[in-house]
């Protein structure tokens, strides 16, 4: 029950994250479609997927920094943490894309959308508790103190 009330208090952040996520998904989908269908139709789809992910990830960082997590100032540590989360998310996303498209021959544009929703929970909680948190290492400090 406590989790429900906490999520209710976080509804503005969750809504903002959702709107930004859907917009980033649109950027990713359009970028991938342009690359794979128009600009580089004979290219490797996984590489095209990664290129589109870089553009959408950059938008995602800027928008979430300004609107969702309202970071007062951008620090080098925050950018580093964001890049780490994005790298893990893109790797997870790309692995799911590769498995779905190359191994199971699923439709590539469907996978772009499906993967975005599958990885969204991971990225939200990673950004909330790690990237944009004032003390992202506090859990490790507590573990160290306990041992």
N, C-alpha and C. Protein backbone atom coordinates (compact mmCIF):
# COMPACT_ATOMS: atom_id res chain seq x y z
N UNK A 1 0.83 -1.19 0.00
CA UNK A 1 0.00 0.00 0.00
C UNK A 1 0.87 1.25 0.00
N UNK A 2 1.95 1.19 0.75
CA UNK A 2 2.86 2.33 0.82
C UNK A 2 3.44 2.63 -0.56
N UNK A 3 3.74 1.59 -1.33
CA UNK A 3 4.27 1.76 -2.68
C UNK A 3 3.26 2.49 -3.56
N UNK A 4 1.98 2.18 -3.42
CA UNK A 4 0.93 2.83 -4.20
C UNK A 4 0.93 4.34 -3.93
N UNK A 5 0.98 4.74 -2.65
CA UNK A 5 0.96 6.16 -2.32
C UNK A 5 2.23 6.86 -2.79
N UNK A 6 3.34 6.15 -2.73
CA UNK A 6 4.59 6.73 -3.24
C UNK A 6 4.49 6.96 -4.74
N UNK A 7 3.95 5.98 -5.47
CA UNK A 7 3.77 6.15 -6.91
C UNK A 7 2.78 7.27 -7.22
N UNK A 8 1.76 7.42 -6.39
CA UNK A 8 0.79 8.50 -6.57
C UNK A 8 1.48 9.86 -6.43
N UNK A 9 2.37 9.97 -5.46
CA UNK A 9 3.13 11.21 -5.28
C UNK A 9 4.08 11.46 -6.46
N UNK A 10 4.50 10.41 -7.11
CA UNK A 10 5.44 10.51 -8.22
C UNK A 10 4.74 10.66 -9.57
N UNK A 11 3.44 10.84 -9.59
CA UNK A 11 2.70 10.82 -10.85
C UNK A 11 3.16 11.88 -11.84
N UNK A 12 3.57 13.06 -11.38
CA UNK A 12 4.05 14.08 -12.31
C UNK A 12 5.32 13.61 -13.00
N UNK A 13 6.24 13.04 -12.23
CA UNK A 13 7.47 12.53 -12.82
C UNK A 13 7.20 11.37 -13.77
N UNK A 14 6.32 10.48 -13.38
CA UNK A 14 6.01 9.33 -14.22
C UNK A 14 5.35 9.81 -15.51
N UNK A 15 4.43 10.77 -15.41
CA UNK A 15 3.77 11.30 -16.62
C UNK A 15 4.78 12.02 -17.51
N UNK A 16 5.64 12.82 -16.92
CA UNK A 16 6.67 13.52 -17.70
C UNK A 16 7.61 12.52 -18.36
N UNK A 17 8.04 11.52 -17.61
CA UNK A 17 8.91 10.48 -18.15
C UNK A 17 8.21 9.76 -19.30
N UNK A 18 6.93 9.51 -19.15
CA UNK A 18 6.16 8.84 -20.20
C UNK A 18 6.06 9.67 -21.47
N UNK A 19 5.75 10.96 -21.33
CA UNK A 19 5.64 11.84 -22.50
C UNK A 19 6.99 11.95 -23.20
N UNK A 20 8.04 12.15 -22.43
CA UNK A 20 9.38 12.25 -23.01
C UNK A 20 9.78 10.91 -23.63
N UNK A 21 9.43 9.82 -22.97
CA UNK A 21 9.74 8.50 -23.51
C UNK A 21 9.04 8.22 -24.83
N UNK A 22 7.77 8.60 -24.93
CA UNK A 22 7.03 8.40 -26.18
C UNK A 22 7.62 9.29 -27.27
N UNK A 23 8.01 10.51 -26.92
CA UNK A 23 8.65 11.39 -27.91
C UNK A 23 9.99 10.83 -28.35
N UNK A 24 10.78 10.34 -27.41
CA UNK A 24 12.06 9.72 -27.75
C UNK A 24 11.85 8.47 -28.60
N UNK A 25 10.80 7.72 -28.29
CA UNK A 25 10.45 6.56 -29.11
C UNK A 25 10.14 7.00 -30.54
N UNK A 26 9.41 8.09 -30.69
CA UNK A 26 9.12 8.63 -32.01
C UNK A 26 10.39 9.01 -32.76
N UNK A 27 11.31 9.67 -32.06
CA UNK A 27 12.59 10.04 -32.66
C UNK A 27 13.35 8.78 -33.08
N UNK A 28 13.36 7.79 -32.21
CA UNK A 28 14.05 6.54 -32.50
C UNK A 28 13.41 5.83 -33.70
N UNK A 29 12.10 5.75 -33.70
CA UNK A 29 11.38 5.07 -34.77
C UNK A 29 11.57 5.77 -36.11
N UNK A 30 11.42 7.09 -36.13
CA UNK A 30 11.59 7.85 -37.38
C UNK A 30 13.04 7.78 -37.84
N UNK A 31 13.98 7.93 -36.90
CA UNK A 31 15.40 7.84 -37.26
C UNK A 31 15.76 6.48 -37.84
N UNK A 32 15.29 5.44 -37.18
CA UNK A 32 15.57 4.09 -37.68
C UNK A 32 14.91 3.86 -39.03
N UNK A 33 13.66 4.29 -39.19
CA UNK A 33 12.97 4.11 -40.47
C UNK A 33 13.67 4.86 -41.59
N UNK A 34 14.12 6.09 -41.30
CA UNK A 34 14.85 6.85 -42.33
C UNK A 34 16.14 6.15 -42.72
N UNK A 35 16.88 5.71 -41.71
CA UNK A 35 18.14 5.03 -42.01
C UNK A 35 17.92 3.72 -42.75
N UNK A 36 17.01 2.90 -42.25
CA UNK A 36 16.86 1.55 -42.81
C UNK A 36 16.05 1.51 -44.10
N UNK A 37 15.21 2.51 -44.35
CA UNK A 37 14.36 2.47 -45.52
C UNK A 37 14.78 3.46 -46.61
N UNK A 38 15.41 4.58 -46.22
CA UNK A 38 15.71 5.64 -47.19
C UNK A 38 17.20 5.88 -47.37
N UNK A 39 17.89 6.21 -46.29
CA UNK A 39 19.29 6.64 -46.39
C UNK A 39 20.28 5.49 -46.57
N UNK A 40 20.00 4.34 -45.94
CA UNK A 40 20.96 3.23 -45.96
C UNK A 40 20.20 1.91 -45.99
N UNK A 41 19.41 1.66 -47.03
CA UNK A 41 18.57 0.46 -47.05
C UNK A 41 19.34 -0.85 -47.05
N UNK A 42 20.56 -0.85 -47.51
CA UNK A 42 21.35 -2.09 -47.54
C UNK A 42 22.22 -2.25 -46.29
N UNK A 43 22.09 -1.33 -45.35
CA UNK A 43 22.92 -1.36 -44.15
C UNK A 43 22.48 -2.41 -43.15
N UNK A 44 23.32 -2.62 -42.16
CA UNK A 44 23.05 -3.55 -41.08
C UNK A 44 21.99 -2.94 -40.17
N UNK A 45 20.89 -3.62 -39.98
CA UNK A 45 19.78 -3.07 -39.21
C UNK A 45 20.15 -2.85 -37.75
N UNK A 46 20.98 -3.67 -37.19
CA UNK A 46 21.37 -3.49 -35.78
C UNK A 46 22.21 -2.22 -35.62
N UNK A 47 23.09 -1.94 -36.57
CA UNK A 47 23.90 -0.71 -36.53
C UNK A 47 22.99 0.51 -36.71
N UNK A 48 22.05 0.42 -37.63
CA UNK A 48 21.11 1.53 -37.84
C UNK A 48 20.27 1.76 -36.58
N UNK A 49 19.92 0.68 -35.91
CA UNK A 49 19.17 0.76 -34.66
C UNK A 49 19.99 1.51 -33.60
N UNK A 50 21.27 1.18 -33.51
CA UNK A 50 22.15 1.85 -32.53
C UNK A 50 22.31 3.33 -32.84
N UNK A 51 22.46 3.68 -34.10
CA UNK A 51 22.61 5.09 -34.49
C UNK A 51 21.35 5.87 -34.09
N UNK A 52 20.18 5.32 -34.38
CA UNK A 52 18.93 5.98 -34.01
C UNK A 52 18.81 6.08 -32.49
N UNK A 53 19.31 5.08 -31.77
CA UNK A 53 19.26 5.09 -30.30
C UNK A 53 20.12 6.20 -29.73
N UNK A 54 21.23 6.51 -30.36
CA UNK A 54 22.09 7.60 -29.89
C UNK A 54 21.36 8.93 -29.98
N UNK A 55 20.67 9.17 -31.10
CA UNK A 55 19.92 10.42 -31.24
C UNK A 55 18.77 10.52 -30.25
N UNK A 56 18.02 9.44 -30.10
CA UNK A 56 16.90 9.49 -29.16
C UNK A 56 17.40 9.56 -27.72
N UNK A 57 18.53 8.92 -27.43
CA UNK A 57 19.11 8.97 -26.09
C UNK A 57 19.57 10.37 -25.71
N UNK A 58 20.12 11.09 -26.67
CA UNK A 58 20.54 12.48 -26.42
C UNK A 58 19.34 13.35 -26.10
N UNK A 59 18.29 13.21 -26.89
CA UNK A 59 17.05 13.95 -26.61
C UNK A 59 16.52 13.57 -25.23
N UNK A 60 16.51 12.28 -24.94
CA UNK A 60 16.00 11.76 -23.69
C UNK A 60 16.72 12.39 -22.50
N UNK A 61 18.04 12.47 -22.57
CA UNK A 61 18.82 13.05 -21.48
C UNK A 61 18.46 14.52 -21.28
N UNK A 62 18.48 15.27 -22.35
CA UNK A 62 18.20 16.71 -22.23
C UNK A 62 16.80 16.95 -21.68
N UNK A 63 15.82 16.25 -22.20
CA UNK A 63 14.44 16.47 -21.76
C UNK A 63 14.22 16.01 -20.32
N UNK A 64 14.75 14.83 -19.97
CA UNK A 64 14.56 14.35 -18.59
C UNK A 64 15.33 15.20 -17.59
N UNK A 65 16.48 15.72 -17.98
CA UNK A 65 17.23 16.60 -17.09
C UNK A 65 16.44 17.86 -16.79
N UNK A 66 15.80 18.40 -17.79
CA UNK A 66 15.10 19.68 -17.63
C UNK A 66 13.69 19.53 -17.05
N UNK A 67 12.97 18.47 -17.41
CA UNK A 67 11.56 18.41 -17.06
C UNK A 67 11.20 17.33 -16.05
N UNK A 68 11.71 16.13 -16.19
CA UNK A 68 11.28 15.04 -15.32
C UNK A 68 11.96 15.11 -13.96
N UNK A 69 13.26 15.15 -13.97
CA UNK A 69 14.01 15.11 -12.71
C UNK A 69 14.53 16.47 -12.31
N UNK A 70 14.25 17.48 -13.08
CA UNK A 70 14.58 18.88 -12.83
C UNK A 70 15.90 19.06 -12.09
N UNK A 71 16.94 18.59 -12.70
CA UNK A 71 18.27 18.75 -12.12
C UNK A 71 18.64 20.22 -12.17
N UNK A 72 19.07 20.75 -11.05
CA UNK A 72 19.39 22.17 -10.97
C UNK A 72 20.59 22.51 -11.85
N UNK A 73 21.60 21.70 -11.79
CA UNK A 73 22.76 21.92 -12.64
C UNK A 73 23.28 20.57 -13.08
N UNK A 74 23.87 20.55 -14.23
CA UNK A 74 24.37 19.30 -14.78
C UNK A 74 25.82 19.13 -14.33
N UNK A 75 26.10 18.05 -13.66
CA UNK A 75 27.47 17.78 -13.23
C UNK A 75 28.06 16.69 -14.12
N UNK A 76 29.37 16.61 -14.09
CA UNK A 76 30.07 15.57 -14.86
C UNK A 76 29.65 14.20 -14.35
N UNK A 77 29.49 14.06 -13.04
CA UNK A 77 29.06 12.77 -12.47
C UNK A 77 27.67 12.37 -12.98
N UNK A 78 26.77 13.34 -13.04
CA UNK A 78 25.42 13.07 -13.51
C UNK A 78 25.43 12.63 -14.98
N UNK A 79 26.20 13.32 -15.80
CA UNK A 79 26.30 12.95 -17.22
C UNK A 79 26.90 11.55 -17.33
N UNK A 80 27.93 11.25 -16.54
CA UNK A 80 28.55 9.93 -16.56
C UNK A 80 27.54 8.85 -16.17
N UNK A 81 26.79 9.10 -15.11
CA UNK A 81 25.79 8.13 -14.66
C UNK A 81 24.70 7.93 -15.72
N UNK A 82 24.28 9.05 -16.35
CA UNK A 82 23.27 8.94 -17.41
C UNK A 82 23.80 8.10 -18.56
N UNK A 83 25.03 8.37 -18.97
CA UNK A 83 25.62 7.61 -20.07
C UNK A 83 25.71 6.12 -19.71
N UNK A 84 26.07 5.82 -18.47
CA UNK A 84 26.12 4.41 -18.04
C UNK A 84 24.76 3.74 -18.15
N UNK A 85 23.72 4.42 -17.67
CA UNK A 85 22.37 3.86 -17.75
C UNK A 85 21.94 3.70 -19.20
N UNK A 86 22.24 4.70 -20.03
CA UNK A 86 21.86 4.64 -21.44
C UNK A 86 22.62 3.50 -22.14
N UNK A 87 23.90 3.34 -21.83
CA UNK A 87 24.66 2.25 -22.46
C UNK A 87 24.05 0.89 -22.10
N UNK A 88 23.73 0.70 -20.83
CA UNK A 88 23.10 -0.55 -20.42
C UNK A 88 21.74 -0.71 -21.10
N UNK A 89 20.96 0.37 -21.14
CA UNK A 89 19.65 0.32 -21.79
C UNK A 89 19.75 0.04 -23.28
N UNK A 90 20.69 0.70 -23.96
CA UNK A 90 20.87 0.49 -25.40
C UNK A 90 21.36 -0.93 -25.67
N UNK A 91 22.26 -1.42 -24.83
CA UNK A 91 22.73 -2.80 -25.00
C UNK A 91 21.58 -3.79 -24.81
N UNK A 92 20.78 -3.57 -23.79
CA UNK A 92 19.62 -4.43 -23.55
C UNK A 92 18.64 -4.34 -24.72
N UNK A 93 18.36 -3.12 -25.14
CA UNK A 93 17.48 -2.87 -26.27
C UNK A 93 18.00 -3.53 -27.54
N UNK A 94 19.29 -3.35 -27.82
CA UNK A 94 19.90 -3.90 -29.04
C UNK A 94 19.93 -5.42 -29.00
N UNK A 95 20.19 -5.98 -27.83
CA UNK A 95 20.19 -7.43 -27.70
C UNK A 95 18.79 -7.98 -27.99
N UNK A 96 17.76 -7.33 -27.44
CA UNK A 96 16.39 -7.75 -27.70
C UNK A 96 16.04 -7.58 -29.19
N UNK A 97 16.53 -6.49 -29.79
CA UNK A 97 16.30 -6.26 -31.22
C UNK A 97 16.96 -7.35 -32.05
N UNK A 98 18.21 -7.64 -31.74
CA UNK A 98 18.96 -8.68 -32.47
C UNK A 98 18.25 -10.04 -32.35
N UNK A 99 17.88 -10.40 -31.14
CA UNK A 99 17.21 -11.68 -30.92
C UNK A 99 15.89 -11.74 -31.69
N UNK A 100 15.12 -10.67 -31.58
CA UNK A 100 13.82 -10.65 -32.25
C UNK A 100 13.91 -10.60 -33.76
N UNK A 101 14.80 -9.74 -34.27
CA UNK A 101 14.85 -9.52 -35.72
C UNK A 101 15.70 -10.57 -36.43
N UNK A 102 16.89 -10.84 -35.92
CA UNK A 102 17.80 -11.75 -36.62
C UNK A 102 17.47 -13.21 -36.33
N UNK A 103 17.22 -13.53 -35.08
CA UNK A 103 16.99 -14.93 -34.73
C UNK A 103 15.55 -15.38 -34.98
N UNK A 104 14.58 -14.51 -34.62
CA UNK A 104 13.18 -14.91 -34.76
C UNK A 104 12.48 -14.28 -35.97
N UNK A 105 13.18 -13.43 -36.70
CA UNK A 105 12.66 -12.80 -37.92
C UNK A 105 11.36 -12.02 -37.70
N UNK A 106 11.29 -11.33 -36.56
CA UNK A 106 10.14 -10.48 -36.28
C UNK A 106 10.30 -9.15 -37.02
N UNK A 107 9.21 -8.48 -37.26
CA UNK A 107 9.20 -7.21 -37.98
C UNK A 107 9.98 -6.16 -37.19
N UNK A 108 10.94 -5.52 -37.84
CA UNK A 108 11.88 -4.64 -37.15
C UNK A 108 11.23 -3.41 -36.53
N UNK A 109 10.30 -2.75 -37.21
CA UNK A 109 9.68 -1.55 -36.65
C UNK A 109 8.82 -1.89 -35.43
N UNK A 110 8.21 -3.06 -35.42
CA UNK A 110 7.45 -3.50 -34.26
C UNK A 110 8.39 -3.69 -33.06
N UNK A 111 9.58 -4.20 -33.32
CA UNK A 111 10.54 -4.43 -32.24
C UNK A 111 11.04 -3.11 -31.64
N UNK A 112 11.18 -2.08 -32.46
CA UNK A 112 11.61 -0.78 -31.94
C UNK A 112 10.62 -0.31 -30.88
N UNK A 113 9.34 -0.42 -31.18
CA UNK A 113 8.30 0.02 -30.24
C UNK A 113 8.24 -0.91 -29.02
N UNK A 114 8.21 -2.20 -29.26
CA UNK A 114 8.10 -3.17 -28.16
C UNK A 114 9.27 -3.05 -27.20
N UNK A 115 10.47 -2.96 -27.73
CA UNK A 115 11.66 -2.87 -26.89
C UNK A 115 11.66 -1.61 -26.04
N UNK A 116 11.18 -0.51 -26.60
CA UNK A 116 11.14 0.75 -25.84
C UNK A 116 10.29 0.58 -24.59
N UNK A 117 9.17 -0.09 -24.72
CA UNK A 117 8.30 -0.28 -23.55
C UNK A 117 8.89 -1.30 -22.58
N UNK A 118 9.59 -2.29 -23.09
CA UNK A 118 10.20 -3.29 -22.22
C UNK A 118 11.31 -2.69 -21.35
N UNK A 119 12.05 -1.77 -21.91
CA UNK A 119 13.21 -1.20 -21.21
C UNK A 119 12.85 0.06 -20.42
N UNK A 120 11.65 0.60 -20.62
CA UNK A 120 11.26 1.86 -19.98
C UNK A 120 11.30 1.80 -18.46
N UNK A 121 10.81 0.73 -17.87
CA UNK A 121 10.82 0.62 -16.41
C UNK A 121 12.23 0.63 -15.85
N UNK A 122 13.11 -0.12 -16.49
CA UNK A 122 14.51 -0.14 -16.07
C UNK A 122 15.12 1.27 -16.10
N UNK A 123 14.90 1.99 -17.20
CA UNK A 123 15.52 3.31 -17.31
C UNK A 123 14.91 4.31 -16.33
N UNK A 124 13.59 4.26 -16.12
CA UNK A 124 12.98 5.20 -15.17
C UNK A 124 13.58 5.04 -13.78
N UNK A 125 13.58 3.82 -13.28
CA UNK A 125 14.08 3.60 -11.92
C UNK A 125 15.59 3.82 -11.83
N UNK A 126 16.32 3.51 -12.87
CA UNK A 126 17.76 3.77 -12.88
C UNK A 126 18.04 5.26 -12.82
N UNK A 127 17.29 6.04 -13.60
CA UNK A 127 17.49 7.50 -13.58
C UNK A 127 17.04 8.10 -12.25
N UNK A 128 15.92 7.60 -11.72
CA UNK A 128 15.41 8.15 -10.47
C UNK A 128 16.36 7.89 -9.30
N UNK A 129 16.84 6.66 -9.18
CA UNK A 129 17.63 6.29 -8.02
C UNK A 129 19.14 6.35 -8.24
N UNK A 130 19.56 6.59 -9.47
CA UNK A 130 21.00 6.59 -9.75
C UNK A 130 21.43 7.86 -10.48
N UNK A 131 20.91 8.10 -11.66
CA UNK A 131 21.39 9.21 -12.47
C UNK A 131 21.12 10.56 -11.83
N UNK A 132 19.87 10.84 -11.48
CA UNK A 132 19.48 12.16 -11.00
C UNK A 132 19.27 12.21 -9.49
N UNK A 133 19.77 11.23 -8.78
CA UNK A 133 19.63 11.20 -7.33
C UNK A 133 20.78 11.96 -6.69
N UNK A 134 20.51 12.75 -5.64
CA UNK A 134 21.60 13.51 -5.00
C UNK A 134 22.66 12.63 -4.35
N UNK A 135 22.28 11.44 -3.89
CA UNK A 135 23.23 10.50 -3.30
C UNK A 135 23.07 9.13 -3.95
N UNK A 136 23.54 8.97 -5.19
CA UNK A 136 23.30 7.71 -5.89
C UNK A 136 24.02 6.51 -5.30
N UNK A 137 25.04 6.73 -4.52
CA UNK A 137 25.83 5.62 -3.98
C UNK A 137 25.47 5.31 -2.54
N UNK A 138 24.38 5.88 -2.03
CA UNK A 138 24.04 5.70 -0.61
C UNK A 138 23.80 4.25 -0.23
N UNK A 139 23.25 3.47 -1.14
CA UNK A 139 23.00 2.05 -0.84
C UNK A 139 24.31 1.29 -0.68
N UNK A 140 25.28 1.62 -1.49
CA UNK A 140 26.59 0.97 -1.35
C UNK A 140 27.26 1.39 -0.05
N UNK A 141 27.09 2.64 0.34
CA UNK A 141 27.67 3.11 1.61
C UNK A 141 27.05 2.37 2.79
N UNK A 142 25.74 2.16 2.74
CA UNK A 142 25.06 1.43 3.82
C UNK A 142 25.56 -0.01 3.91
N UNK A 143 25.73 -0.65 2.77
CA UNK A 143 26.25 -2.01 2.76
C UNK A 143 27.66 -2.08 3.33
N UNK A 144 28.46 -1.10 2.99
CA UNK A 144 29.84 -1.04 3.48
C UNK A 144 29.86 -0.86 5.00
N UNK A 145 28.97 0.01 5.50
CA UNK A 145 28.92 0.26 6.94
C UNK A 145 28.43 -0.96 7.71
N UNK A 146 27.56 -1.76 7.13
CA UNK A 146 27.01 -2.93 7.78
C UNK A 146 28.02 -4.07 7.88
N UNK A 147 28.97 -4.10 6.95
CA UNK A 147 29.92 -5.23 6.96
C UNK A 147 31.15 -4.94 7.76
